[in-house]
């Protein structure tokens, strides 16, 4: 296994936007892309009392995103996901650069 970098934030901050929390709880969102590492595989994220395990953590560039990746995020396609990210980060003037690398956190419900 490759060495993973230190976390830049805690797992509690991985999914915080109410609409995104709702998408995770409904099974529409199974991944979150972040600039840093918020959780390692095997860690448990708790949303609204429900547990989700981090299944995978890997790097990806924005240019590698496919509609399937956007669907993991709870969007129909890449363009819809991109527009959402741009409006969310408008205050920061964050550009959408195809070469920009992000950390993908994939997760699934913990089966009890």
C-alpha atoms as a PDB file:
ATOM      1  CA  UNK A   1       0.000   0.000   0.000  1.00  0.00           C
ATOM      2  CA  UNK A   2       1.254   3.468  -0.850  1.00  0.00           C
ATOM      3  CA  UNK A   3       1.946   5.845   1.997  1.00  0.00           C
ATOM      4  CA  UNK A   4      -0.928   8.242   2.470  1.00  0.00           C
ATOM      5  CA  UNK A   5      -0.271  11.849   3.425  1.00  0.00           C
ATOM      6  CA  UNK A   6      -1.279  13.339   6.741  1.00  0.00           C
ATOM      7  CA  UNK A   7      -4.866  14.464   7.003  1.00  0.00           C
ATOM      8  CA  UNK A   8      -5.558  18.095   6.263  1.00  0.00           C
ATOM      9  CA  UNK A   9      -8.952  17.995   7.970  1.00  0.00           C
ATOM     10  CA  UNK A  10     -11.082  15.614  10.059  1.00  0.00           C
ATOM     11  CA  UNK A  11     -13.606  13.059   8.834  1.00  0.00           C
ATOM     12  CA  UNK A  12     -16.413  15.086  10.461  1.00  0.00           C
ATOM     13  CA  UNK A  13     -15.815  17.802   7.844  1.00  0.00           C
ATOM     14  CA  UNK A  14     -15.917  15.439   4.838  1.00  0.00           C
ATOM     15  CA  UNK A  15     -19.638  15.873   4.070  1.00  0.00           C
ATOM     16  CA  UNK A  16     -21.244  18.894   5.732  1.00  0.00           C
ATOM     17  CA  UNK A  17     -23.534  20.623   3.209  1.00  0.00           C
ATOM     18  CA  UNK A  18     -27.141  19.643   4.093  1.00  0.00           C
ATOM     19  CA  UNK A  19     -28.032  18.740   0.471  1.00  0.00           C
ATOM     20  CA  UNK A  20     -24.940  16.506   0.269  1.00  0.00           C
ATOM     21  CA  UNK A  21     -25.717  14.837   3.596  1.00  0.00           C
ATOM     22  CA  UNK A  22     -29.216  14.114   2.258  1.00  0.00           C
ATOM     23  CA  UNK A  23     -27.729  12.644  -0.953  1.00  0.00           C
ATOM     24  CA  UNK A  24     -25.442  10.346   1.078  1.00  0.00           C
ATOM     25  CA  UNK A  25     -28.323   9.207   3.306  1.00  0.00           C
ATOM     26  CA  UNK A  26     -30.463   8.505   0.200  1.00  0.00           C
ATOM     27  CA  UNK A  27     -27.650   6.556  -1.500  1.00  0.00           C
ATOM     28  CA  UNK A  28     -27.289   9.135  -4.313  1.00  0.00           C
ATOM     29  CA  UNK A  29     -23.777  10.219  -3.252  1.00  0.00           C
ATOM     30  CA  UNK A  30     -21.018   7.640  -2.689  1.00  0.00           C
ATOM     31  CA  UNK A  31     -17.911   9.808  -3.052  1.00  0.00           C
ATOM     32  CA  UNK A  32     -16.564  13.236  -2.168  1.00  0.00           C
ATOM     33  CA  UNK A  33     -13.670  15.027  -3.813  1.00  0.00           C
ATOM     34  CA  UNK A  34     -11.576  17.359  -1.687  1.00  0.00           C
ATOM     35  CA  UNK A  35      -8.326  19.284  -2.013  1.00  0.00           C
ATOM     36  CA  UNK A  36      -6.952  17.455   1.011  1.00  0.00           C
ATOM     37  CA  UNK A  37      -7.234  14.178   2.907  1.00  0.00           C
ATOM     38  CA  UNK A  38     -10.151  14.087   5.356  1.00  0.00           C
ATOM     39  CA  UNK A  39     -10.356  10.343   6.031  1.00  0.00           C
ATOM     40  CA  UNK A  40      -8.481   7.094   5.482  1.00  0.00           C
ATOM     41  CA  UNK A  41      -9.924   3.785   4.211  1.00  0.00           C
ATOM     42  CA  UNK A  42     -11.594   1.888   7.031  1.00  0.00           C
ATOM     43  CA  UNK A  43     -12.569   4.994   8.980  1.00  0.00           C
ATOM     44  CA  UNK A  44     -16.226   5.526   9.854  1.00  0.00           C
ATOM     45  CA  UNK A  45     -18.151   8.698   9.009  1.00  0.00           C
ATOM     46  CA  UNK A  46     -21.392   9.282  10.919  1.00  0.00           C
ATOM     47  CA  UNK A  47     -24.164  11.313   9.291  1.00  0.00           C
ATOM     48  CA  UNK A  48     -27.501  11.751  11.022  1.00  0.00           C
ATOM     49  CA  UNK A  49     -26.751   8.709  13.206  1.00  0.00           C
ATOM     50  CA  UNK A  50     -25.957   6.460  10.224  1.00  0.00           C
ATOM     51  CA  UNK A  51     -22.483   5.030   9.685  1.00  0.00           C
ATOM     52  CA  UNK A  52     -20.548   5.013   6.409  1.00  0.00           C
ATOM     53  CA  UNK A  53     -17.154   3.379   5.928  1.00  0.00           C
ATOM     54  CA  UNK A  54     -14.453   4.962   3.785  1.00  0.00           C
ATOM     55  CA  UNK A  55     -13.800   2.333   1.102  1.00  0.00           C
ATOM     56  CA  UNK A  56     -11.115   4.060  -0.947  1.00  0.00           C
ATOM     57  CA  UNK A  57      -8.901   7.132  -1.091  1.00  0.00           C
ATOM     58  CA  UNK A  58      -7.025   8.103  -4.239  1.00  0.00           C
ATOM     59  CA  UNK A  59      -5.859  11.059  -6.343  1.00  0.00           C
ATOM     60  CA  UNK A  60      -7.572  12.194  -9.508  1.00  0.00           C
ATOM     61  CA  UNK A  61      -7.347  15.262 -11.727  1.00  0.00           C
ATOM     62  CA  UNK A  62     -10.452  17.256 -12.563  1.00  0.00           C
ATOM     63  CA  UNK A  63      -9.740  16.489 -16.226  1.00  0.00           C
ATOM     64  CA  UNK A  64     -10.158  12.759 -15.521  1.00  0.00           C
ATOM     65  CA  UNK A  65     -13.724  13.204 -14.255  1.00  0.00           C
ATOM     66  CA  UNK A  66     -16.385  11.292 -16.161  1.00  0.00           C
ATOM     67  CA  UNK A  67     -20.171  11.429 -15.906  1.00  0.00           C
ATOM     68  CA  UNK A  68     -19.922   8.264 -13.804  1.00  0.00           C
ATOM     69  CA  UNK A  69     -17.674  10.103 -11.322  1.00  0.00           C
ATOM     70  CA  UNK A  70     -20.151  13.012 -11.241  1.00  0.00           C
ATOM     71  CA  UNK A  71     -22.912  10.504 -10.466  1.00  0.00           C
ATOM     72  CA  UNK A  72     -20.867   9.243  -7.480  1.00  0.00           C
ATOM     73  CA  UNK A  73     -21.084  12.839  -6.265  1.00  0.00           C
ATOM     74  CA  UNK A  74     -24.856  12.889  -6.742  1.00  0.00           C
ATOM     75  CA  UNK A  75     -24.949  14.833 -10.019  1.00  0.00           C
ATOM     76  CA  UNK A  76     -26.209  13.850 -13.481  1.00  0.00           C
ATOM     77  CA  UNK A  77     -23.015  14.681 -15.364  1.00  0.00           C
ATOM     78  CA  UNK A  78     -19.623  16.406 -15.146  1.00  0.00           C
ATOM     79  CA  UNK A  79     -20.973  19.770 -16.311  1.00  0.00           C
ATOM     80  CA  UNK A  80     -23.650  19.802 -13.575  1.00  0.00           C
ATOM     81  CA  UNK A  81     -21.035  18.864 -10.959  1.00  0.00           C
ATOM     82  CA  UNK A  82     -18.622  21.505 -12.276  1.00  0.00           C
ATOM     83  CA  UNK A  83     -21.288  24.241 -12.160  1.00  0.00           C
ATOM     84  CA  UNK A  84     -22.171  23.295  -8.590  1.00  0.00           C
ATOM     85  CA  UNK A  85     -18.513  23.377  -7.502  1.00  0.00           C
ATOM     86  CA  UNK A  86     -17.890  26.703  -9.244  1.00  0.00           C
ATOM     87  CA  UNK A  87     -20.907  28.353  -7.601  1.00  0.00           C
ATOM     88  CA  UNK A  88     -19.962  26.902  -4.202  1.00  0.00           C
ATOM     89  CA  UNK A  89     -16.412  28.235  -4.467  1.00  0.00           C
ATOM     90  CA  UNK A  90     -17.243  31.478  -6.309  1.00  0.00           C
ATOM     91  CA  UNK A  91     -16.084  33.573  -3.335  1.00  0.00           C
ATOM     92  CA  UNK A  92     -12.654  31.941  -3.513  1.00  0.00           C
ATOM     93  CA  UNK A  93     -12.366  32.482  -7.276  1.00  0.00           C
ATOM     94  CA  UNK A  94     -11.370  28.823  -7.533  1.00  0.00           C
ATOM     95  CA  UNK A  95     -10.630  27.958 -11.157  1.00  0.00           C
ATOM     96  CA  UNK A  96     -11.666  24.632 -12.695  1.00  0.00           C
ATOM     97  CA  UNK A  97      -8.332  23.381 -13.975  1.00  0.00           C
ATOM     98  CA  UNK A  98      -8.228  19.982 -15.724  1.00  0.00           C
ATOM     99  CA  UNK A  99      -4.762  19.405 -14.218  1.00  0.00           C
ATOM    100  CA  UNK A 100      -5.843  20.212 -10.639  1.00  0.00           C
ATOM    101  CA  UNK A 101      -5.514  17.127  -8.440  1.00  0.00           C
ATOM    102  CA  UNK A 102      -8.105  16.240  -5.818  1.00  0.00           C
ATOM    103  CA  UNK A 103      -8.447  13.445  -3.284  1.00  0.00           C
ATOM    104  CA  UNK A 104     -11.376  11.123  -3.906  1.00  0.00           C
ATOM    105  CA  UNK A 105     -12.985   9.652  -0.777  1.00  0.00           C
ATOM    106  CA  UNK A 106     -15.337   6.769  -1.676  1.00  0.00           C
ATOM    107  CA  UNK A 107     -17.703   5.462   0.985  1.00  0.00           C
ATOM    108  CA  UNK A 108     -20.600   3.083   1.554  1.00  0.00           C
ATOM    109  CA  UNK A 109     -23.126   2.400   4.320  1.00  0.00           C
ATOM    110  CA  UNK A 110     -21.959   0.189   7.163  1.00  0.00           C
ATOM    111  CA  UNK A 111     -24.050  -2.956   7.074  1.00  0.00           C
ATOM    112  CA  UNK A 112     -25.275  -3.840  10.562  1.00  0.00           C
END
